[in-house]
Amino acid sequence: MSKSLTQLSEEYFKAAEDIDALIKKYTEELHKAYDAKNYLKTYDLKRKLKIFYDQKRDVITTAYKLQHYYEDSEGRATA
């Protein structure tokens, strides 16, 4: 089963939404850890959040590359 570039792009955008949900979850946990003055957990959560933000950036970049694969540098579709 082969997928079009548009379908793959949509899957990457969906993955970015899933990563957003994880970022939200861990950000809430980070605020709780700050309030509890649990600095070891705070450090661990910050590390995880940085990884999630890096993953999201990579996923979004790939999604846009797939979405605009057949466009030239001026945004016109090529054959």
N, C-alpha and C. Protein backbone atom coordinates (compact mmCIF):
# COMPACT_ATOMS: atom_id res chain seq x y z
N MET A 1 0.85 -1.17 0.00
CA MET A 1 0.00 0.00 0.00
C MET A 1 0.89 1.24 0.00
N SER A 2 0.82 2.01 -1.03
CA SER A 2 1.62 3.23 -1.08
C SER A 2 0.72 4.43 -0.77
N LYS A 3 1.31 5.41 -0.14
CA LYS A 3 0.56 6.61 0.24
C LYS A 3 1.09 7.79 -0.55
N SER A 4 0.23 8.74 -0.79
CA SER A 4 0.65 9.95 -1.47
C SER A 4 1.42 10.84 -0.49
N LEU A 5 2.13 11.80 -1.03
CA LEU A 5 2.88 12.73 -0.19
C LEU A 5 1.94 13.54 0.70
N THR A 6 0.76 13.84 0.18
CA THR A 6 -0.22 14.59 0.96
C THR A 6 -0.69 13.77 2.16
N GLN A 7 -0.93 12.47 1.95
CA GLN A 7 -1.36 11.61 3.05
C GLN A 7 -0.26 11.50 4.10
N LEU A 8 0.98 11.35 3.65
CA LEU A 8 2.09 11.28 4.59
C LEU A 8 2.22 12.58 5.37
N SER A 9 2.05 13.70 4.68
CA SER A 9 2.12 15.00 5.33
C SER A 9 1.05 15.11 6.41
N GLU A 10 -0.15 14.67 6.11
CA GLU A 10 -1.24 14.71 7.09
C GLU A 10 -0.93 13.85 8.30
N GLU A 11 -0.30 12.71 8.08
CA GLU A 11 0.09 11.85 9.20
C GLU A 11 1.12 12.54 10.10
N TYR A 12 2.05 13.25 9.48
CA TYR A 12 3.04 13.99 10.26
C TYR A 12 2.39 15.12 11.05
N PHE A 13 1.44 15.83 10.45
CA PHE A 13 0.74 16.88 11.19
C PHE A 13 -0.04 16.28 12.36
N LYS A 14 -0.63 15.10 12.18
CA LYS A 14 -1.35 14.41 13.26
C LYS A 14 -0.37 14.03 14.38
N ALA A 15 0.82 13.58 13.99
CA ALA A 15 1.83 13.25 14.99
C ALA A 15 2.23 14.49 15.79
N ALA A 16 2.28 15.63 15.14
CA ALA A 16 2.59 16.88 15.85
C ALA A 16 1.51 17.21 16.87
N GLU A 17 0.26 16.95 16.53
CA GLU A 17 -0.83 17.16 17.49
C GLU A 17 -0.69 16.23 18.69
N ASP A 18 -0.29 14.99 18.42
CA ASP A 18 -0.08 14.04 19.52
C ASP A 18 1.05 14.50 20.43
N ILE A 19 2.11 15.03 19.85
CA ILE A 19 3.23 15.54 20.64
C ILE A 19 2.77 16.76 21.44
N ASP A 20 1.91 17.59 20.86
CA ASP A 20 1.36 18.74 21.59
C ASP A 20 0.63 18.29 22.85
N ALA A 21 -0.10 17.20 22.74
CA ALA A 21 -0.82 16.68 23.91
C ALA A 21 0.16 16.26 25.00
N LEU A 22 1.26 15.64 24.61
CA LEU A 22 2.28 15.24 25.58
C LEU A 22 2.94 16.47 26.21
N ILE A 23 3.20 17.48 25.40
CA ILE A 23 3.80 18.71 25.91
C ILE A 23 2.88 19.34 26.95
N LYS A 24 1.60 19.39 26.66
CA LYS A 24 0.64 19.96 27.60
C LYS A 24 0.64 19.18 28.91
N LYS A 25 0.61 17.85 28.79
CA LYS A 25 0.57 16.99 29.98
C LYS A 25 1.82 17.20 30.85
N TYR A 26 2.98 17.19 30.23
CA TYR A 26 4.22 17.32 31.00
C TYR A 26 4.44 18.74 31.50
N THR A 27 3.90 19.74 30.83
CA THR A 27 3.99 21.11 31.32
C THR A 27 3.18 21.26 32.60
N GLU A 28 2.01 20.65 32.62
CA GLU A 28 1.19 20.68 33.84
C GLU A 28 1.92 19.98 34.99
N GLU A 29 2.56 18.84 34.70
CA GLU A 29 3.33 18.14 35.73
C GLU A 29 4.51 18.98 36.20
N LEU A 30 5.12 19.72 35.28
CA LEU A 30 6.25 20.57 35.63
C LEU A 30 5.82 21.66 36.61
N HIS A 31 4.67 22.27 36.37
CA HIS A 31 4.17 23.30 37.28
C HIS A 31 3.92 22.71 38.67
N LYS A 32 3.39 21.51 38.71
CA LYS A 32 3.15 20.85 40.01
C LYS A 32 4.47 20.56 40.72
N ALA A 33 5.48 20.12 39.96
CA ALA A 33 6.79 19.82 40.55
C ALA A 33 7.44 21.10 41.08
N TYR A 34 7.29 22.22 40.35
CA TYR A 34 7.81 23.50 40.84
C TYR A 34 7.15 23.87 42.17
N ASP A 35 5.82 23.76 42.19
CA ASP A 35 5.09 24.11 43.41
C ASP A 35 5.50 23.23 44.59
N ALA A 36 5.79 21.96 44.31
CA ALA A 36 6.19 21.03 45.37
C ALA A 36 7.68 21.14 45.69
N LYS A 37 8.39 21.99 44.97
CA LYS A 37 9.84 22.16 45.13
C LYS A 37 10.60 20.85 44.95
N ASN A 38 10.10 20.03 44.05
CA ASN A 38 10.75 18.76 43.72
C ASN A 38 11.67 19.01 42.52
N TYR A 39 12.89 19.44 42.80
CA TYR A 39 13.78 19.90 41.75
C TYR A 39 14.34 18.77 40.89
N LEU A 40 14.45 17.59 41.44
CA LEU A 40 14.90 16.45 40.63
C LEU A 40 13.86 16.12 39.56
N LYS A 41 12.60 16.10 39.97
CA LYS A 41 11.53 15.84 39.01
C LYS A 41 11.42 17.00 38.02
N THR A 42 11.62 18.22 38.49
CA THR A 42 11.59 19.39 37.61
C THR A 42 12.63 19.26 36.51
N TYR A 43 13.84 18.87 36.89
CA TYR A 43 14.91 18.69 35.92
C TYR A 43 14.54 17.63 34.89
N ASP A 44 14.01 16.51 35.36
CA ASP A 44 13.63 15.41 34.46
C ASP A 44 12.52 15.84 33.50
N LEU A 45 11.53 16.56 34.01
CA LEU A 45 10.43 17.01 33.16
C LEU A 45 10.90 18.04 32.13
N LYS A 46 11.80 18.92 32.51
CA LYS A 46 12.34 19.89 31.55
C LYS A 46 13.09 19.17 30.43
N ARG A 47 13.83 18.14 30.79
CA ARG A 47 14.56 17.36 29.79
C ARG A 47 13.60 16.69 28.82
N LYS A 48 12.53 16.11 29.35
CA LYS A 48 11.53 15.47 28.51
C LYS A 48 10.84 16.48 27.60
N LEU A 49 10.51 17.64 28.14
CA LEU A 49 9.85 18.67 27.34
C LEU A 49 10.75 19.15 26.20
N LYS A 50 12.04 19.29 26.46
CA LYS A 50 12.95 19.70 25.41
C LYS A 50 12.96 18.66 24.29
N ILE A 51 12.96 17.40 24.65
CA ILE A 51 12.92 16.32 23.65
C ILE A 51 11.63 16.40 22.83
N PHE A 52 10.51 16.61 23.51
CA PHE A 52 9.23 16.70 22.79
C PHE A 52 9.19 17.91 21.85
N TYR A 53 9.72 19.05 22.30
CA TYR A 53 9.74 20.22 21.42
C TYR A 53 10.65 19.98 20.22
N ASP A 54 11.78 19.31 20.43
CA ASP A 54 12.67 18.98 19.31
C ASP A 54 11.98 18.04 18.32
N GLN A 55 11.29 17.03 18.86
CA GLN A 55 10.56 16.10 18.00
C GLN A 55 9.47 16.81 17.21
N LYS A 56 8.75 17.70 17.87
CA LYS A 56 7.67 18.42 17.19
C LYS A 56 8.23 19.28 16.06
N ARG A 57 9.34 19.95 16.32
CA ARG A 57 9.95 20.78 15.28
C ARG A 57 10.33 19.92 14.07
N ASP A 58 10.93 18.76 14.32
CA ASP A 58 11.33 17.87 13.23
C ASP A 58 10.12 17.34 12.46
N VAL A 59 9.08 16.98 13.17
CA VAL A 59 7.87 16.43 12.54
C VAL A 59 7.18 17.49 11.69
N ILE A 60 7.08 18.70 12.21
CA ILE A 60 6.44 19.80 11.45
C ILE A 60 7.26 20.12 10.20
N THR A 61 8.57 20.17 10.34
CA THR A 61 9.43 20.45 9.20
C THR A 61 9.24 19.41 8.11
N THR A 62 9.22 18.16 8.50
CA THR A 62 9.03 17.08 7.53
C THR A 62 7.65 17.16 6.89
N ALA A 63 6.63 17.46 7.67
CA ALA A 63 5.27 17.57 7.13
C ALA A 63 5.19 18.65 6.06
N TYR A 64 5.79 19.81 6.33
CA TYR A 64 5.76 20.88 5.34
C TYR A 64 6.57 20.54 4.10
N LYS A 65 7.69 19.85 4.29
CA LYS A 65 8.48 19.44 3.13
C LYS A 65 7.69 18.48 2.25
N LEU A 66 7.00 17.55 2.86
CA LEU A 66 6.18 16.62 2.09
C LEU A 66 5.02 17.34 1.42
N GLN A 67 4.41 18.26 2.12
CA GLN A 67 3.25 18.98 1.60
C GLN A 67 3.63 19.84 0.39
N HIS A 68 4.82 20.39 0.40
CA HIS A 68 5.23 21.31 -0.66
C HIS A 68 6.36 20.73 -1.52
N TYR A 69 6.43 19.43 -1.61
CA TYR A 69 7.54 18.76 -2.30
C TYR A 69 7.64 19.15 -3.76
N TYR A 70 6.52 19.30 -4.43
CA TYR A 70 6.53 19.55 -5.87
C TYR A 70 6.45 21.03 -6.23
N GLU A 71 6.72 21.91 -5.28
CA GLU A 71 6.72 23.34 -5.56
C GLU A 71 8.16 23.82 -5.73
N ASP A 72 8.36 24.79 -6.62
CA ASP A 72 9.69 25.34 -6.77
C ASP A 72 9.93 26.40 -5.69
N SER A 73 11.03 27.08 -5.76
CA SER A 73 11.39 28.03 -4.71
C SER A 73 10.44 29.22 -4.63
N GLU A 74 9.66 29.47 -5.67
CA GLU A 74 8.71 30.59 -5.65
C GLU A 74 7.29 30.14 -5.33
N GLY A 75 7.11 28.88 -4.94
CA GLY A 75 5.81 28.40 -4.52
C GLY A 75 4.93 27.90 -5.66
N ARG A 76 5.48 27.78 -6.86
CA ARG A 76 4.69 27.29 -8.00
C ARG A 76 4.84 25.78 -8.12
N ALA A 77 3.77 25.12 -8.49
CA ALA A 77 3.82 23.67 -8.68
C ALA A 77 4.66 23.35 -9.93
N THR A 78 5.46 22.29 -9.77
CA THR A 78 6.26 21.82 -10.90
C THR A 78 5.75 20.47 -11.35
N ALA A 79 6.09 20.12 -12.56
CA ALA A 79 5.62 18.84 -13.12
C ALA A 79 6.50 17.70 -12.75
